[in-house]
Amino acid sequence: MDDQKKWLEVSLVVDGELAEAVSEVLARFTSGGVVIESTAILADDEDECRPVGPLRVCGYLPADDSLERTQQALREALWHLGFIRPLPEAGYRWVQETDWSEAWKEHYHPLEVGQRLLILPAWLEIETVDRTPIRMDPGMAFGTGTHPTTQLCLELLDGCLQEALPEGAAPAGHSSGMTVIDVGCGSGILAVAALLLGASHALAVDTDPEAVRASQANAALNGVADRIEIGQGSVDEILSGSYSLRRSPLVLANILAPVLVRLLGEGLGDLVTPGGQLILSGILGDQAGQVLSAAEAHGLHLVERRQSGDWVALLFSR
């Protein structure tokens, strides 16, 4: 193994009070900063997770000519810190340097979804004839199109927009005139796909600013930035008139079942115009009944249910 590409990882599992002190010691000797990770997570009623329990603090020593001296100096520094509060033994292991920002791309390939879509990695050039390509650079946001919840949502979206197009028309040359609202847009894949499949205008919102940035980039990548409005927010902001659309004949929400139930209580169904449709995805099979009950309680009627593995997507009409 090439020493220039080998690192010695140093790690300690400590409580929150010690984590900062340990990270300061490691930072004196390691390259590229120090990583602090949670060793456990706890999910709340909406499956939102937060770190709990001890923290793992780790840094990396370059495998160069000074490694032995650096490792000894680090041991001594940790020994001195241990007089203030007892420390666990540090763990050491060799790791091979990897460019993860490039390596993950090897596992992201073109993907056919529904009757008309082909999801392409942004960096891949390919000629397509019989499908509508949508290029995605997922960045930090959820939604590359590979997860069953996204695929189910795209399949239902494709069907809804195909019905809205003039008979025999292709989305590249025709617009259905339909507007679309995407709540919790993630990477923007659903709103972008809607525009490529014939929607005339889309509103995409998310509470995460990183999702807003990723959606803007993906909209530009697919040449639909002039037909999409992207902002930080959720149902309340849309209903209050913060955006150009308050209601739409097609509304999408691919989140998680507990969040969908809450949003239905906050007026998610009110975003759908009379006679319009609502696509809900991100639902585990054993939670579908909760979402169905919440939707029906707000005047929505189930039109179609699709399932892939443990995941379910539901299409409603209003």
C-alpha atoms as a PDB file:
ATOM      1  CA  MET A   1       0.000   0.000   0.000  1.00  0.00           C
ATOM      2  CA  ASP A   2       1.401   3.424  -0.927  1.00  0.00           C
ATOM      3  CA  ASP A   3       2.326   5.381   2.216  1.00  0.00           C
ATOM      4  CA  GLN A   4       1.286   8.603   0.532  1.00  0.00           C
ATOM      5  CA  LYS A   5      -2.276   7.297   0.392  1.00  0.00           C
ATOM      6  CA  LYS A   6      -2.411   5.728   3.846  1.00  0.00           C
ATOM      7  CA  TRP A   7      -3.584   7.371   7.070  1.00  0.00           C
ATOM      8  CA  LEU A   8      -3.653   6.310  10.696  1.00  0.00           C
ATOM      9  CA  GLU A   9      -7.085   7.018  12.167  1.00  0.00           C
ATOM     10  CA  VAL A  10      -7.128   7.949  15.848  1.00  0.00           C
ATOM     11  CA  SER A  11     -10.497   7.802  17.640  1.00  0.00           C
ATOM     12  CA  LEU A  12     -11.945   8.042  21.141  1.00  0.00           C
ATOM     13  CA  VAL A  13     -15.542   7.562  22.298  1.00  0.00           C
ATOM     14  CA  VAL A  14     -16.339  10.113  24.996  1.00  0.00           C
ATOM     15  CA  ASP A  15     -19.280  12.014  26.456  1.00  0.00           C
ATOM     16  CA  GLY A  16     -20.349  15.420  25.184  1.00  0.00           C
ATOM     17  CA  GLU A  17     -18.420  17.340  27.846  1.00  0.00           C
ATOM     18  CA  LEU A  18     -15.111  15.726  26.867  1.00  0.00           C
ATOM     19  CA  ALA A  19     -15.627  15.785  23.100  1.00  0.00           C
ATOM     20  CA  GLU A  20     -14.510  19.383  22.635  1.00  0.00           C
ATOM     21  CA  ALA A  21     -11.364  18.971  24.762  1.00  0.00           C
ATOM     22  CA  VAL A  22     -10.397  15.755  22.965  1.00  0.00           C
ATOM     23  CA  SER A  23     -11.012  17.333  19.547  1.00  0.00           C
ATOM     24  CA  GLU A  24      -8.729  20.248  20.455  1.00  0.00           C
ATOM     25  CA  VAL A  25      -5.935  17.830  21.344  1.00  0.00           C
ATOM     26  CA  LEU A  26      -6.369  15.790  18.161  1.00  0.00           C
ATOM     27  CA  ALA A  27      -6.447  18.947  16.039  1.00  0.00           C
ATOM     28  CA  ARG A  28      -2.865  19.757  17.100  1.00  0.00           C
ATOM     29  CA  PHE A  29      -1.539  16.625  15.430  1.00  0.00           C
ATOM     30  CA  THR A  30      -3.963  15.531  12.708  1.00  0.00           C
ATOM     31  CA  SER A  31      -4.445  16.780   9.159  1.00  0.00           C
ATOM     32  CA  GLY A  32      -7.704  17.935   7.614  1.00  0.00           C
ATOM     33  CA  GLY A  33      -9.562  18.706  10.829  1.00  0.00           C
ATOM     34  CA  VAL A  34     -11.311  16.529  13.397  1.00  0.00           C
ATOM     35  CA  VAL A  35     -14.587  14.605  12.988  1.00  0.00           C
ATOM     36  CA  ILE A  36     -17.135  14.322  15.798  1.00  0.00           C
ATOM     37  CA  GLU A  37     -19.826  11.688  15.199  1.00  0.00           C
ATOM     38  CA  SER A  38     -22.825  10.565  17.208  1.00  0.00           C
ATOM     39  CA  THR A  39     -22.826   6.893  18.194  1.00  0.00           C
ATOM     40  CA  ALA A  40     -26.628   6.657  18.380  1.00  0.00           C
ATOM     41  CA  ILE A  41     -29.705   8.490  17.117  1.00  0.00           C
ATOM     42  CA  LEU A  42     -33.222   8.860  18.476  1.00  0.00           C
ATOM     43  CA  ALA A  43     -36.261   9.364  16.243  1.00  0.00           C
ATOM     44  CA  ASP A  44     -39.231  11.472  17.335  1.00  0.00           C
ATOM     45  CA  ASP A  45     -42.888  11.031  16.369  1.00  0.00           C
ATOM     46  CA  GLU A  46     -42.183  12.311  12.835  1.00  0.00           C
ATOM     47  CA  ASP A  47     -39.090  10.129  12.393  1.00  0.00           C
ATOM     48  CA  GLU A  48     -36.887  13.202  12.680  1.00  0.00           C
ATOM     49  CA  CYS A  49     -33.607  12.039  14.170  1.00  0.00           C
ATOM     50  CA  ARG A  50     -31.280  13.661  16.709  1.00  0.00           C
ATOM     51  CA  PRO A  51     -27.976  12.443  18.113  1.00  0.00           C
ATOM     52  CA  VAL A  52     -27.939  10.923  21.595  1.00  0.00           C
ATOM     53  CA  GLY A  53     -25.370   9.180  23.768  1.00  0.00           C
ATOM     54  CA  PRO A  54     -21.558   9.227  23.542  1.00  0.00           C
ATOM     55  CA  LEU A  55     -19.660  10.902  20.726  1.00  0.00           C
ATOM     56  CA  ARG A  56     -16.876   9.480  18.612  1.00  0.00           C
ATOM     57  CA  VAL A  57     -14.011  11.935  18.034  1.00  0.00           C
ATOM     58  CA  CYS A  58     -11.508  11.013  15.337  1.00  0.00           C
ATOM     59  CA  GLY A  59      -8.667  12.489  13.312  1.00  0.00           C
ATOM     60  CA  TYR A  60      -6.122  11.225  10.794  1.00  0.00           C
ATOM     61  CA  LEU A  61      -2.321  11.142  10.987  1.00  0.00           C
ATOM     62  CA  PRO A  62      -0.531  11.073   7.617  1.00  0.00           C
ATOM     63  CA  ALA A  63       1.706   8.040   7.137  1.00  0.00           C
ATOM     64  CA  ASP A  64       4.910  10.008   6.585  1.00  0.00           C
ATOM     65  CA  ASP A  65       8.424   9.938   8.075  1.00  0.00           C
ATOM     66  CA  SER A  66       7.241  11.816  11.186  1.00  0.00           C
ATOM     67  CA  LEU A  67       4.323   9.483  11.977  1.00  0.00           C
ATOM     68  CA  GLU A  68       6.035   7.686  14.891  1.00  0.00           C
ATOM     69  CA  ARG A  69       7.050  10.967  16.586  1.00  0.00           C
ATOM     70  CA  THR A  70       3.616  12.516  15.987  1.00  0.00           C
ATOM     71  CA  GLN A  71       1.812   9.463  17.370  1.00  0.00           C
ATOM     72  CA  GLN A  72       3.983   9.486  20.501  1.00  0.00           C
ATOM     73  CA  ALA A  73       3.388  13.223  21.049  1.00  0.00           C
ATOM     74  CA  LEU A  74      -0.360  12.662  20.659  1.00  0.00           C
ATOM     75  CA  ARG A  75      -0.307   9.836  23.212  1.00  0.00           C
ATOM     76  CA  GLU A  76       1.460  12.111  25.692  1.00  0.00           C
ATOM     77  CA  ALA A  77      -1.031  14.946  25.128  1.00  0.00           C
ATOM     78  CA  LEU A  78      -3.973  12.599  25.705  1.00  0.00           C
ATOM     79  CA  TRP A  79      -2.230  11.200  28.815  1.00  0.00           C
ATOM     80  CA  HIS A  80      -1.989  14.729  30.266  1.00  0.00           C
ATOM     81  CA  LEU A  81      -5.652  15.429  29.414  1.00  0.00           C
ATOM     82  CA  GLY A  82      -6.545  12.237  31.257  1.00  0.00           C
ATOM     83  CA  PHE A  83      -5.439  13.815  34.540  1.00  0.00           C
ATOM     84  CA  ILE A  84      -8.301  16.326  34.268  1.00  0.00           C
ATOM     85  CA  ARG A  85     -10.865  13.624  33.509  1.00  0.00           C
ATOM     86  CA  PRO A  86     -10.224   9.925  32.839  1.00  0.00           C
ATOM     87  CA  LEU A  87     -10.132   9.080  29.136  1.00  0.00           C
ATOM     88  CA  PRO A  88     -10.793   5.786  27.376  1.00  0.00           C
ATOM     89  CA  GLU A  89      -7.999   4.194  25.371  1.00  0.00           C
ATOM     90  CA  ALA A  90      -7.602   5.685  21.912  1.00  0.00           C
ATOM     91  CA  GLY A  91      -8.298   3.368  18.999  1.00  0.00           C
ATOM     92  CA  TYR A  92      -5.988   3.229  15.982  1.00  0.00           C
ATOM     93  CA  ARG A  93      -6.578   1.782  12.518  1.00  0.00           C
ATOM     94  CA  TRP A  94      -5.117   2.176   9.045  1.00  0.00           C
ATOM     95  CA  VAL A  95      -7.348   3.623   6.335  1.00  0.00           C
ATOM     96  CA  GLN A  96      -6.819   4.026   2.596  1.00  0.00           C
ATOM     97  CA  GLU A  97      -7.403   7.488   1.172  1.00  0.00           C
ATOM     98  CA  THR A  98     -10.413   7.605  -1.135  1.00  0.00           C
ATOM     99  CA  ASP A  99     -11.945  10.443  -3.124  1.00  0.00           C
ATOM    100  CA  TRP A 100     -15.516   9.791  -1.917  1.00  0.00           C
ATOM    101  CA  SER A 101     -16.860  12.762  -3.878  1.00  0.00           C
ATOM    102  CA  GLU A 102     -16.034  10.803  -7.052  1.00  0.00           C
ATOM    103  CA  ALA A 103     -16.220   7.198  -5.855  1.00  0.00           C
ATOM    104  CA  TRP A 104     -19.983   7.245  -5.137  1.00  0.00           C
ATOM    105  CA  LYS A 105     -20.658   8.204  -8.754  1.00  0.00           C
ATOM    106  CA  GLU A 106     -19.644   4.701  -9.845  1.00  0.00           C
ATOM    107  CA  HIS A 107     -22.898   3.404  -8.336  1.00  0.00           C
ATOM    108  CA  TYR A 108     -25.225   5.973  -9.928  1.00  0.00           C
ATOM    109  CA  HIS A 109     -26.341   4.859 -13.401  1.00  0.00           C
ATOM    110  CA  PRO A 110     -29.083   5.788 -15.911  1.00  0.00           C
ATOM    111  CA  LEU A 111     -32.476   4.677 -14.636  1.00  0.00           C
ATOM    112  CA  GLU A 112     -35.728   4.219 -16.564  1.00  0.00           C
ATOM    113  CA  VAL A 113     -38.776   5.268 -14.542  1.00  0.00           C
ATOM    114  CA  GLY A 114     -42.401   5.081 -15.609  1.00  0.00           C
ATOM    115  CA  GLN A 115     -43.337   5.177 -19.277  1.00  0.00           C
ATOM    116  CA  ARG A 116     -41.364   8.230 -20.344  1.00  0.00           C
ATOM    117  CA  LEU A 117     -38.530   9.193 -17.981  1.00  0.00           C
ATOM    118  CA  LEU A 118     -34.814   8.398 -18.008  1.00  0.00           C
ATOM    119  CA  ILE A 119     -32.907   9.718 -14.985  1.00  0.00           C
ATOM    120  CA  LEU A 120     -29.305  10.509 -15.877  1.00  0.00           C
ATOM    121  CA  PRO A 121     -26.328  11.423 -13.699  1.00  0.00           C
ATOM    122  CA  ALA A 122     -25.391  15.018 -14.493  1.00  0.00           C
ATOM    123  CA  TRP A 123     -21.877  14.021 -15.538  1.00  0.00           C
ATOM    124  CA  LEU A 124     -22.955  11.322 -18.043  1.00  0.00           C
ATOM    125  CA  GLU A 125     -23.451  12.041 -21.727  1.00  0.00           C
ATOM    126  CA  ILE A 126     -25.920   9.734 -23.472  1.00  0.00           C
ATOM    127  CA  GLU A 127     -28.225  10.001 -26.492  1.00  0.00           C
ATOM    128  CA  THR A 128     -31.869   9.245 -25.809  1.00  0.00           C
ATOM    129  CA  VAL A 129     -34.655   8.935 -28.361  1.00  0.00           C
ATOM    130  CA  ASP A 130     -37.680   7.267 -26.808  1.00  0.00           C
ATOM    131  CA  ARG A 131     -37.531   8.688 -23.263  1.00  0.00           C
ATOM    132  CA  THR A 132     -37.429  12.125 -21.661  1.00  0.00           C
ATOM    133  CA  PRO A 133     -34.052  12.587 -19.933  1.00  0.00           C
ATOM    134  CA  ILE A 134     -33.814  14.314 -16.568  1.00  0.00           C
ATOM    135  CA  ARG A 135     -30.294  15.116 -15.392  1.00  0.00           C
ATOM    136  CA  MET A 136     -29.638  15.080 -11.672  1.00  0.00           C
ATOM    137  CA  ASP A 137     -26.727  16.209  -9.555  1.00  0.00           C
ATOM    138  CA  PRO A 138     -27.986  15.258  -6.082  1.00  0.00           C
ATOM    139  CA  GLY A 139     -25.376  17.122  -4.039  1.00  0.00           C
ATOM    140  CA  MET A 140     -26.385  17.142  -0.362  1.00  0.00           C
ATOM    141  CA  ALA A 141     -30.137  16.867  -0.889  1.00  0.00           C
ATOM    142  CA  PHE A 142     -32.334  13.787  -0.911  1.00  0.00           C
ATOM    143  CA  GLY A 143     -33.714  12.650  -4.236  1.00  0.00           C
ATOM    144  CA  THR A 144     -31.530  11.057  -6.925  1.00  0.00           C
ATOM    145  CA  GLY A 145     -34.432   9.034  -8.292  1.00  0.00           C
ATOM    146  CA  THR A 146     -33.010   5.710  -7.114  1.00  0.00           C
ATOM    147  CA  HIS A 147     -35.176   5.353  -3.995  1.00  0.00           C
ATOM    148  CA  PRO A 148     -38.507   3.500  -4.368  1.00  0.00           C
ATOM    149  CA  THR A 149     -40.470   6.424  -2.896  1.00  0.00           C
ATOM    150  CA  THR A 150     -39.177   8.776  -5.584  1.00  0.00           C
ATOM    151  CA  GLN A 151     -39.753   6.247  -8.356  1.00  0.00           C
ATOM    152  CA  LEU A 152     -43.329   5.588  -7.237  1.00  0.00           C
ATOM    153  CA  CYS A 153     -44.013   9.309  -7.147  1.00  0.00           C
ATOM    154  CA  LEU A 154     -42.500   9.798 -10.614  1.00  0.00           C
ATOM    155  CA  GLU A 155     -44.616   6.964 -12.036  1.00  0.00           C
ATOM    156  CA  LEU A 156     -47.824   8.519 -10.713  1.00  0.00           C
ATOM    157  CA  LEU A 157     -46.694  11.971 -11.851  1.00  0.00           C
ATOM    158  CA  ASP A 158     -45.991  10.655 -15.338  1.00  0.00           C
ATOM    159  CA  GLY A 159     -49.473   9.169 -15.537  1.00  0.00           C
ATOM    160  CA  CYS A 160     -51.225  12.321 -14.320  1.00  0.00           C
ATOM    161  CA  LEU A 161     -49.418  14.584 -16.767  1.00  0.00           C
ATOM    162  CA  GLN A 162     -49.827  12.188 -19.681  1.00  0.00           C
ATOM    163  CA  GLU A 163     -53.585  12.348 -19.160  1.00  0.00           C
ATOM    164  CA  ALA A 164     -53.429  16.151 -19.185  1.00  0.00           C
ATOM    165  CA  LEU A 165     -51.567  16.411 -22.504  1.00  0.00           C
ATOM    166  CA  PRO A 166     -53.426  16.741 -25.809  1.00  0.00           C
ATOM    167  CA  GLU A 167     -54.009  13.324 -27.357  1.00  0.00           C
ATOM    168  CA  GLY A 168     -50.895  12.059 -29.123  1.00  0.00           C
ATOM    169  CA  ALA A 169     -48.773  15.004 -28.004  1.00  0.00           C
ATOM    170  CA  ALA A 170     -45.206  14.640 -26.761  1.00  0.00           C
ATOM    171  CA  PRO A 171     -44.127  16.680 -23.720  1.00  0.00           C
ATOM    172  CA  ALA A 172     -41.145  18.166 -25.555  1.00  0.00           C
ATOM    173  CA  GLY A 173     -43.369  20.100 -27.915  1.00  0.00           C
ATOM    174  CA  HIS A 174     -46.528  20.613 -25.904  1.00  0.00           C
ATOM    175  CA  SER A 175     -47.545  21.940 -22.542  1.00  0.00           C
ATOM    176  CA  SER A 176     -50.489  20.619 -20.632  1.00  0.00           C
ATOM    177  CA  GLY A 177     -51.004  24.091 -19.184  1.00  0.00           C
ATOM    178  CA  MET A 178     -51.022  22.441 -15.759  1.00  0.00           C
ATOM    179  CA  THR A 179     -49.237  23.927 -12.774  1.00  0.00           C
ATOM    180  CA  VAL A 180     -47.615  21.740 -10.113  1.00  0.00           C
ATOM    181  CA  ILE A 181     -46.733  22.303  -6.449  1.00  0.00           C
ATOM    182  CA  ASP A 182     -44.022  20.164  -4.835  1.00  0.00           C
ATOM    183  CA  VAL A 183     -43.922  20.321  -1.021  1.00  0.00           C
ATOM    184  CA  GLY A 184     -40.629  19.102   0.446  1.00  0.00           C
ATOM    185  CA  CYS A 185     -38.820  19.185  -2.900  1.00  0.00           C
ATOM    186  CA  GLY A 186     -35.434  17.779  -1.795  1.00  0.00           C
ATOM    187  CA  SER A 187     -33.245  17.793  -4.903  1.00  0.00           C
ATOM    188  CA  GLY A 188     -36.099  19.183  -7.020  1.00  0.00           C
ATOM    189  CA  ILE A 189     -36.397  15.995  -9.075  1.00  0.00           C
ATOM    190  CA  LEU A 190     -40.218  15.831  -8.990  1.00  0.00           C
ATOM    191  CA  ALA A 191     -40.854  19.452  -9.968  1.00  0.00           C
ATOM    192  CA  VAL A 192     -38.210  19.314 -12.701  1.00  0.00           C
ATOM    193  CA  ALA A 193     -39.647  16.050 -14.019  1.00  0.00           C
ATOM    194  CA  ALA A 194     -43.136  17.579 -14.059  1.00  0.00           C
ATOM    195  CA  LEU A 195     -41.930  20.440 -16.255  1.00  0.00           C
ATOM    196  CA  LEU A 196     -40.088  18.084 -18.612  1.00  0.00           C
ATOM    197  CA  LEU A 197     -43.232  15.957 -18.878  1.00  0.00           C
ATOM    198  CA  GLY A 198     -45.449  18.857 -19.919  1.00  0.00           C
ATOM    199  CA  ALA A 199     -46.360  20.984 -16.887  1.00  0.00           C
ATOM    200  CA  SER A 200     -46.286  24.693 -17.648  1.00  0.00           C
ATOM    201  CA  HIS A 201     -45.109  26.010 -14.265  1.00  0.00           C
ATOM    202  CA  ALA A 202     -43.967  24.509 -10.948  1.00  0.00           C
ATOM    203  CA  LEU A 203     -43.576  25.733  -7.397  1.00  0.00           C
ATOM    204  CA  ALA A 204     -41.096  23.759  -5.280  1.00  0.00           C
ATOM    205  CA  VAL A 205     -40.565  24.451  -1.574  1.00  0.00           C
ATOM    206  CA  ASP A 206     -38.516  22.869   1.187  1.00  0.00           C
ATOM    207  CA  THR A 207     -37.670  23.843   4.756  1.00  0.00           C
ATOM    208  CA  ASP A 208     -33.994  22.946   4.177  1.00  0.00           C
ATOM    209  CA  PRO A 209     -31.930  25.704   2.504  1.00  0.00           C
ATOM    210  CA  GLU A 210     -29.582  23.066   1.055  1.00  0.00           C
ATOM    211  CA  ALA A 211     -32.553  21.512  -0.744  1.00  0.00           C
ATOM    212  CA  VAL A 212     -33.468  24.910  -2.185  1.00  0.00           C
ATOM    213  CA  ARG A 213     -29.948  25.349  -3.565  1.00  0.00           C
ATOM    214  CA  ALA A 214     -29.847  21.811  -4.994  1.00  0.00           C
ATOM    215  CA  SER A 215     -33.255  22.287  -6.656  1.00  0.00           C
ATOM    216  CA  GLN A 216     -32.151  25.548  -8.251  1.00  0.00           C
ATOM    217  CA  ALA A 217     -29.020  23.884  -9.631  1.00  0.00           C
ATOM    218  CA  ASN A 218     -30.947  20.898 -11.003  1.00  0.00           C
ATOM    219  CA  ALA A 219     -33.578  23.142 -12.584  1.00  0.00           C
ATOM    220  CA  ALA A 220     -30.834  25.046 -14.405  1.00  0.00           C
ATOM    221  CA  LEU A 221     -29.150  21.788 -15.403  1.00  0.00           C
ATOM    222  CA  ASN A 222     -32.363  20.672 -17.141  1.00  0.00           C
ATOM    223  CA  GLY A 223     -33.178  23.998 -18.763  1.00  0.00           C
ATOM    224  CA  VAL A 224     -36.394  24.660 -16.821  1.00  0.00           C
ATOM    225  CA  ALA A 225     -35.222  27.388 -14.437  1.00  0.00           C
ATOM    226  CA  ASP A 226     -37.463  29.947 -16.154  1.00  0.00           C
ATOM    227  CA  ARG A 227     -40.594  27.886 -15.394  1.00  0.00           C
ATOM    228  CA  ILE A 228     -39.978  26.970 -11.767  1.00  0.00           C
ATOM    229  CA  GLU A 229     -40.262  28.964  -8.557  1.00  0.00           C
ATOM    230  CA  ILE A 230     -38.169  27.582  -5.681  1.00  0.00           C
ATOM    231  CA  GLY A 231     -38.239  28.782  -2.095  1.00  0.00           C
ATOM    232  CA  GLN A 232     -37.757  27.882   1.541  1.00  0.00           C
ATOM    233  CA  GLY A 233     -41.034  27.083   3.239  1.00  0.00           C
ATOM    234  CA  SER A 234     -43.926  24.655   3.477  1.00  0.00           C
ATOM    235  CA  VAL A 235     -47.737  24.549   3.400  1.00  0.00           C
ATOM    236  CA  ASP A 236     -48.270  27.638   5.581  1.00  0.00           C
ATOM    237  CA  GLU A 237     -46.122  29.848   3.350  1.00  0.00           C
ATOM    238  CA  ILE A 238     -47.913  28.690   0.203  1.00  0.00           C
ATOM    239  CA  LEU A 239     -51.402  29.202   1.622  1.00  0.00           C
ATOM    240  CA  SER A 240     -50.454  32.643   2.975  1.00  0.00           C
ATOM    241  CA  GLY A 241     -49.544  33.844  -0.527  1.00  0.00           C
ATOM    242  CA  SER A 242     -45.768  33.978  -0.175  1.00  0.00           C
ATOM    243  CA  TYR A 243     -45.436  32.492  -3.671  1.00  0.00           C
ATOM    244  CA  SER A 244     -47.082  32.917  -7.067  1.00  0.00           C
ATOM    245  CA  LEU A 245     -49.225  29.808  -6.543  1.00  0.00           C
ATOM    246  CA  ARG A 246     -51.607  29.142  -3.673  1.00  0.00           C
ATOM    247  CA  ARG A 247     -53.328  26.168  -5.264  1.00  0.00           C
ATOM    248  CA  SER A 248     -52.710  23.814  -8.159  1.00  0.00           C
ATOM    249  CA  PRO A 249     -54.459  20.953  -9.976  1.00  0.00           C
ATOM    250  CA  LEU A 250     -51.497  18.692  -9.134  1.00  0.00           C
ATOM    251  CA  VAL A 251     -49.693  18.671  -5.771  1.00  0.00           C
ATOM    252  CA  LEU A 252     -46.823  16.388  -4.746  1.00  0.00           C
ATOM    253  CA  ALA A 253     -45.324  15.525  -1.368  1.00  0.00           C
ATOM    254  CA  ASN A 254     -42.665  12.832  -1.023  1.00  0.00           C
ATOM    255  CA  ILE A 255     -41.667  13.055   2.640  1.00  0.00           C
ATOM    256  CA  LEU A 256     -42.446  10.617   5.487  1.00  0.00           C
ATOM    257  CA  ALA A 257     -45.816   9.346   6.670  1.00  0.00           C
ATOM    258  CA  PRO A 258     -45.868  11.154  10.079  1.00  0.00           C
ATOM    259  CA  VAL A 259     -44.939  14.445   8.385  1.00  0.00           C
ATOM    260  CA  LEU A 260     -47.592  13.920   5.703  1.00  0.00           C
ATOM    261  CA  VAL A 261     -50.242  13.383   8.387  1.00  0.00           C
ATOM    262  CA  ARG A 262     -49.195  16.629  10.090  1.00  0.00           C
ATOM    263  CA  LEU A 263     -49.150  18.569   6.812  1.00  0.00           C
ATOM    264  CA  LEU A 264     -52.625  17.299   5.922  1.00  0.00           C
ATOM    265  CA  GLY A 265     -53.772  18.782   9.228  1.00  0.00           C
ATOM    266  CA  GLU A 266     -52.084  22.065   8.297  1.00  0.00           C
ATOM    267  CA  GLY A 267     -53.898  22.324   4.955  1.00  0.00           C
ATOM    268  CA  LEU A 268     -51.902  20.276   2.450  1.00  0.00           C
ATOM    269  CA  GLY A 269     -55.162  19.162   0.818  1.00  0.00           C
ATOM    270  CA  ASP A 270     -56.257  22.786   0.474  1.00  0.00           C
ATOM    271  CA  LEU A 271     -53.410  23.326  -2.008  1.00  0.00           C
ATOM    272  CA  VAL A 272     -55.296  21.096  -4.479  1.00  0.00           C
ATOM    273  CA  THR A 273     -57.889  22.785  -6.661  1.00  0.00           C
ATOM    274  CA  PRO A 274     -61.352  21.134  -6.883  1.00  0.00           C
ATOM    275  CA  GLY A 275     -61.066  18.159  -9.219  1.00  0.00           C
ATOM    276  CA  GLY A 276     -57.295  18.178  -8.829  1.00  0.00           C
ATOM    277  CA  GLN A 277     -54.941  15.433  -7.670  1.00  0.00           C
ATOM    278  CA  LEU A 278     -52.554  14.923  -4.756  1.00  0.00           C
ATOM    279  CA  ILE A 279     -49.635  12.460  -4.869  1.00  0.00           C
ATOM    280  CA  LEU A 280     -48.266  11.375  -1.499  1.00  0.00           C
ATOM    281  CA  SER A 281     -45.165   9.183  -1.207  1.00  0.00           C
ATOM    282  CA  GLY A 282     -42.480   8.295   1.326  1.00  0.00           C
ATOM    283  CA  ILE A 283     -44.944   6.052   3.160  1.00  0.00           C
ATOM    284  CA  LEU A 284     -44.050   2.724   4.752  1.00  0.00           C
ATOM    285  CA  GLY A 285     -46.644   0.033   4.122  1.00  0.00           C
ATOM    286  CA  ASP A 286     -47.750  -0.248   7.748  1.00  0.00           C
ATOM    287  CA  GLN A 287     -48.245   3.540   7.920  1.00  0.00           C
ATOM    288  CA  ALA A 288     -50.365   3.858   4.781  1.00  0.00           C
ATOM    289  CA  GLY A 289     -53.603   3.518   6.754  1.00  0.00           C
ATOM    290  CA  GLN A 290     -52.763   6.562   8.881  1.00  0.00           C
ATOM    291  CA  VAL A 291     -52.104   8.689   5.797  1.00  0.00           C
ATOM    292  CA  LEU A 292     -55.251   7.418   4.059  1.00  0.00           C
ATOM    293  CA  SER A 293     -57.413   8.238   7.088  1.00  0.00           C
ATOM    294  CA  ALA A 294     -55.922  11.719   7.418  1.00  0.00           C
ATOM    295  CA  ALA A 295     -56.425  12.425   3.704  1.00  0.00           C
ATOM    296  CA  GLU A 296     -60.025  11.224   3.675  1.00  0.00           C
ATOM    297  CA  ALA A 297     -60.769  13.318   6.762  1.00  0.00           C
ATOM    298  CA  HIS A 298     -59.836  16.375   4.688  1.00  0.00           C
ATOM    299  CA  GLY A 299     -62.039  15.628   1.703  1.00  0.00           C
ATOM    300  CA  LEU A 300     -59.623  13.621  -0.439  1.00  0.00           C
ATOM    301  CA  HIS A 301     -60.564  10.389  -2.188  1.00  0.00           C
ATOM    302  CA  LEU A 302     -58.122   7.576  -2.973  1.00  0.00           C
ATOM    303  CA  VAL A 303     -57.687   6.954  -6.700  1.00  0.00           C
ATOM    304  CA  GLU A 304     -54.662   4.662  -6.823  1.00  0.00           C
ATOM    305  CA  ARG A 305     -52.212   2.923  -4.506  1.00  0.00           C
ATOM    306  CA  ARG A 306     -48.801   1.740  -5.671  1.00  0.00           C
ATOM    307  CA  GLN A 307     -46.243  -0.243  -3.698  1.00  0.00           C
ATOM    308  CA  SER A 308     -42.582  -1.138  -4.167  1.00  0.00           C
ATOM    309  CA  GLY A 309     -41.121  -3.319  -1.460  1.00  0.00           C
ATOM    310  CA  ASP A 310     -41.953  -1.733   1.896  1.00  0.00           C
ATOM    311  CA  TRP A 311     -42.851   1.647   0.353  1.00  0.00           C
ATOM    312  CA  VAL A 312     -46.233   2.970  -0.744  1.00  0.00           C
ATOM    313  CA  ALA A 313     -47.398   5.950  -2.819  1.00  0.00           C
ATOM    314  CA  LEU A 314     -51.002   7.147  -2.869  1.00  0.00           C
ATOM    315  CA  LEU A 315     -52.871   9.189  -5.484  1.00  0.00           C
ATOM    316  CA  PHE A 316     -55.895  11.188  -4.290  1.00  0.00           C
ATOM    317  CA  SER A 317     -58.440  13.398  -5.985  1.00  0.00           C
ATOM    318  CA  ARG A 318     -60.271  16.365  -4.507  1.00  0.00           C
END
